[in-house]
Amino acid sequence: MIDQTLWIERKFNFDFPDGMFPVILERLCGAVPRIKELISGLNDEQLSAKKNDKWSIKEVIGHLYDLENLHDGRIDDFTEGKEILRAADMKNVKTTEANYNSEPVEEIIILFNESRNKFIERLENASAELLIKSALHPRLQKQMRLIDMAFFVCEHDDYEITKMRAIKKSLQ
């Protein structure tokens, strides 16, 4: 099996047509149901299991939830016409300190689902003009439209769900 490329090593080309936006929205809507399906049948011990000092499945879900504030804030950045989008905390302090393994997974998923639904609603209500407005992504050092930012979130969801699947597989 080929190892997954680390997130911070990924490169992106934001050159797809604006008409991809409905597909991107659909991917955003699918994150929570995919996670629920993936973790179905796992007990709390399995959901909290850590290997090689990496995050557990619960912590990965919590990480996705923690990032929703960043995504929402970046919509604000586009709305306010900022030239540079706010930066992510690449040390993930919020997730590390949250102690998600002590929380029921259902509660973490509820929080993530509520935040994700608000994010999707904001995107659905955004004007076409706002959706194609661009700003500089600070880490990538690339111009990114709001549509591209939504795509970036989808890609990150897939990256983290892939990690969860690997954790699940290691438990069997």
Protein backbone atom coordinates (compact mmCIF):
# COMPACT_ATOMS: atom_id res chain seq x y z
CA MET A 1 0.00 0.00 0.00
CA ILE A 2 1.21 3.52 -0.74
CA ASP A 3 1.47 5.79 2.30
CA GLN A 4 -0.79 8.83 2.37
CA THR A 5 0.95 12.11 1.54
CA LEU A 6 1.10 14.34 4.60
CA TRP A 7 -1.38 17.22 4.54
CA ILE A 8 1.30 19.87 4.80
CA GLU A 9 3.07 18.37 1.78
CA ARG A 10 0.00 18.54 -0.47
CA LYS A 11 0.00 20.92 -3.43
CA PHE A 12 -3.18 22.34 -4.91
CA ASN A 13 -4.25 23.80 -8.23
CA PHE A 14 -7.35 25.90 -7.97
CA ASP A 15 -8.24 25.98 -11.63
CA PHE A 16 -11.57 24.18 -11.84
CA PRO A 17 -14.67 25.95 -13.21
CA ASP A 18 -17.09 27.79 -10.94
CA GLY A 19 -19.73 25.24 -11.96
CA MET A 20 -18.04 22.68 -9.69
CA PHE A 21 -19.47 24.48 -6.67
CA PRO A 22 -22.60 22.25 -6.37
CA VAL A 23 -20.37 19.15 -6.34
CA ILE A 24 -18.15 20.71 -3.68
CA LEU A 25 -21.20 21.49 -1.53
CA GLU A 26 -22.32 17.88 -1.88
CA ARG A 27 -18.94 16.66 -0.67
CA LEU A 28 -19.15 18.99 2.34
CA CYS A 29 -22.59 17.57 3.16
CA GLY A 30 -21.22 14.03 3.03
CA ALA A 31 -18.50 14.28 5.66
CA VAL A 32 -20.64 13.58 8.73
CA PRO A 33 -22.61 10.67 7.21
CA ARG A 34 -19.36 9.10 5.99
CA ILE A 35 -17.84 9.38 9.45
CA LYS A 36 -20.94 7.87 11.08
CA GLU A 37 -20.82 4.94 8.68
CA LEU A 38 -17.08 4.46 9.21
CA ILE A 39 -17.31 4.31 13.00
CA SER A 40 -20.48 2.23 13.13
CA GLY A 41 -19.93 -0.78 15.37
CA LEU A 42 -16.80 0.55 17.06
CA ASN A 43 -16.84 0.76 20.85
CA ASP A 44 -15.48 3.63 22.95
CA GLU A 45 -12.18 1.85 23.59
CA GLN A 46 -11.62 1.45 19.84
CA LEU A 47 -12.68 5.04 19.12
CA SER A 48 -10.21 6.29 21.76
CA ALA A 49 -7.31 4.02 20.76
CA LYS A 50 -4.03 5.76 19.97
CA LYS A 51 -1.08 4.23 18.17
CA ASN A 52 2.41 5.68 17.86
CA ASP A 53 1.30 8.79 19.76
CA LYS A 54 -1.08 9.74 16.92
CA TRP A 55 -4.64 10.94 17.35
CA SER A 56 -7.48 8.51 17.96
CA ILE A 57 -10.60 8.42 15.79
CA LYS A 58 -12.41 10.60 18.34
CA GLU A 59 -9.58 13.12 18.24
CA VAL A 60 -9.61 13.22 14.45
CA ILE A 61 -13.36 13.93 14.49
CA GLY A 62 -12.73 16.59 17.14
CA HIS A 63 -10.02 18.09 14.94
CA LEU A 64 -12.48 18.41 12.05
CA TYR A 65 -14.91 20.12 14.43
CA ASP A 66 -12.19 22.45 15.72
CA LEU A 67 -11.39 23.61 12.20
CA GLU A 68 -14.97 24.71 11.51
CA ASN A 69 -14.26 28.03 13.29
CA LEU A 70 -11.35 28.62 10.91
CA HIS A 71 -13.50 27.88 7.87
CA ASP A 72 -16.25 30.17 9.12
CA GLY A 73 -13.70 32.89 9.84
CA ARG A 74 -12.30 32.57 6.36
CA ILE A 75 -15.75 33.22 4.91
CA ASP A 76 -15.66 36.42 6.98
CA ASP A 77 -12.24 37.20 5.48
CA PHE A 78 -13.64 36.88 1.95
CA THR A 79 -16.73 38.92 2.88
CA GLU A 80 -14.57 41.68 4.37
CA GLY A 81 -12.32 41.73 1.29
CA LYS A 82 -9.16 40.80 3.15
CA GLU A 83 -6.14 40.20 0.94
CA ILE A 84 -4.78 37.37 3.11
CA LEU A 85 -6.88 34.69 4.78
CA ARG A 86 -6.42 34.00 8.47
CA ALA A 87 -3.84 31.32 9.22
CA ALA A 88 -4.56 27.91 10.67
CA ASP A 89 -2.91 26.81 13.91
CA MET A 90 -0.57 24.23 12.42
CA LYS A 91 0.24 22.92 15.91
CA ASN A 92 -3.45 22.07 16.46
CA VAL A 93 -3.32 23.23 20.06
CA LYS A 94 -7.12 23.33 20.38
CA THR A 95 -7.46 19.66 19.41
CA THR A 96 -4.55 18.55 21.57
CA GLU A 97 -5.98 20.30 24.63
CA ALA A 98 -9.64 19.33 24.08
CA ASN A 99 -9.38 15.80 25.53
CA TYR A 100 -11.89 14.41 23.04
CA ASN A 101 -11.21 10.86 24.20
CA SER A 102 -13.11 11.64 27.42
CA GLU A 103 -16.23 12.70 25.46
CA PRO A 104 -18.90 10.46 23.93
CA VAL A 105 -18.30 10.24 20.18
CA GLU A 106 -21.96 11.06 19.54
CA GLU A 107 -21.48 14.46 21.19
CA ILE A 108 -18.39 15.24 19.13
CA ILE A 109 -20.26 14.32 15.97
CA ILE A 110 -23.24 16.50 16.96
CA LEU A 111 -20.92 19.49 17.46
CA PHE A 112 -19.19 18.86 14.14
CA ASN A 113 -22.49 18.37 12.31
CA GLU A 114 -24.00 21.59 13.71
CA SER A 115 -20.91 23.61 12.80
CA ARG A 116 -20.64 22.03 9.36
CA ASN A 117 -24.30 22.74 8.63
CA LYS A 118 -23.79 26.43 9.48
CA PHE A 119 -20.74 26.54 7.19
CA ILE A 120 -22.69 24.92 4.35
CA GLU A 121 -25.60 27.32 4.87
CA ARG A 122 -23.26 30.30 4.65
CA LEU A 123 -21.81 28.95 1.41
CA GLU A 124 -25.27 28.25 -0.03
CA ASN A 125 -26.33 31.82 0.79
CA ALA A 126 -23.17 33.42 -0.61
CA SER A 127 -23.55 35.48 -3.78
CA ALA A 128 -21.88 34.32 -6.99
CA GLU A 129 -19.64 37.38 -6.69
CA LEU A 130 -18.48 36.37 -3.22
CA LEU A 131 -17.91 32.74 -4.24
CA ILE A 132 -15.37 33.77 -6.87
CA LYS A 133 -13.67 36.45 -4.76
CA SER A 134 -10.07 35.51 -4.00
CA ALA A 135 -7.50 36.04 -1.26
CA LEU A 136 -4.06 34.65 -0.48
CA HIS A 137 -3.90 31.42 1.49
CA PRO A 138 -1.07 32.07 3.98
CA ARG A 139 0.51 28.60 4.08
CA LEU A 140 0.05 27.66 0.43
CA GLN A 141 1.02 31.15 -0.77
CA LYS A 142 -1.62 30.82 -3.49
CA GLN A 143 -4.64 32.85 -4.43
CA MET A 144 -7.78 31.01 -3.50
CA ARG A 145 -11.41 31.76 -4.28
CA LEU A 146 -14.10 31.05 -1.71
CA ILE A 147 -15.09 28.11 -3.94
CA ASP A 148 -11.49 26.88 -3.74
CA MET A 149 -11.50 27.23 0.04
CA ALA A 150 -14.60 25.02 0.18
CA PHE A 151 -12.81 22.47 -2.05
CA PHE A 152 -9.77 22.68 0.25
CA VAL A 153 -12.03 21.81 3.20
CA CYS A 154 -13.40 18.79 1.29
CA GLU A 155 -9.88 17.60 0.58
CA HIS A 156 -8.97 17.96 4.25
CA ASP A 157 -12.11 16.04 5.26
CA ASP A 158 -11.08 13.21 2.94
CA TYR A 159 -7.54 13.29 4.28
CA GLU A 160 -8.75 12.94 7.88
CA ILE A 161 -11.42 10.33 7.06
CA THR A 162 -8.69 8.29 5.35
CA LYS A 163 -6.68 8.47 8.57
CA MET A 164 -9.72 7.29 10.55
CA ARG A 165 -10.17 4.35 8.18
CA ALA A 166 -6.50 3.40 8.68
CA ILE A 167 -6.94 3.53 12.46
CA LYS A 168 -10.05 1.35 12.21
CA LYS A 169 -8.20 -1.14 10.02
CA SER A 170 -5.34 -1.32 12.52
CA LEU A 171 -7.80 -2.30 15.25
CA GLN A 172 -8.93 -5.45 13.43
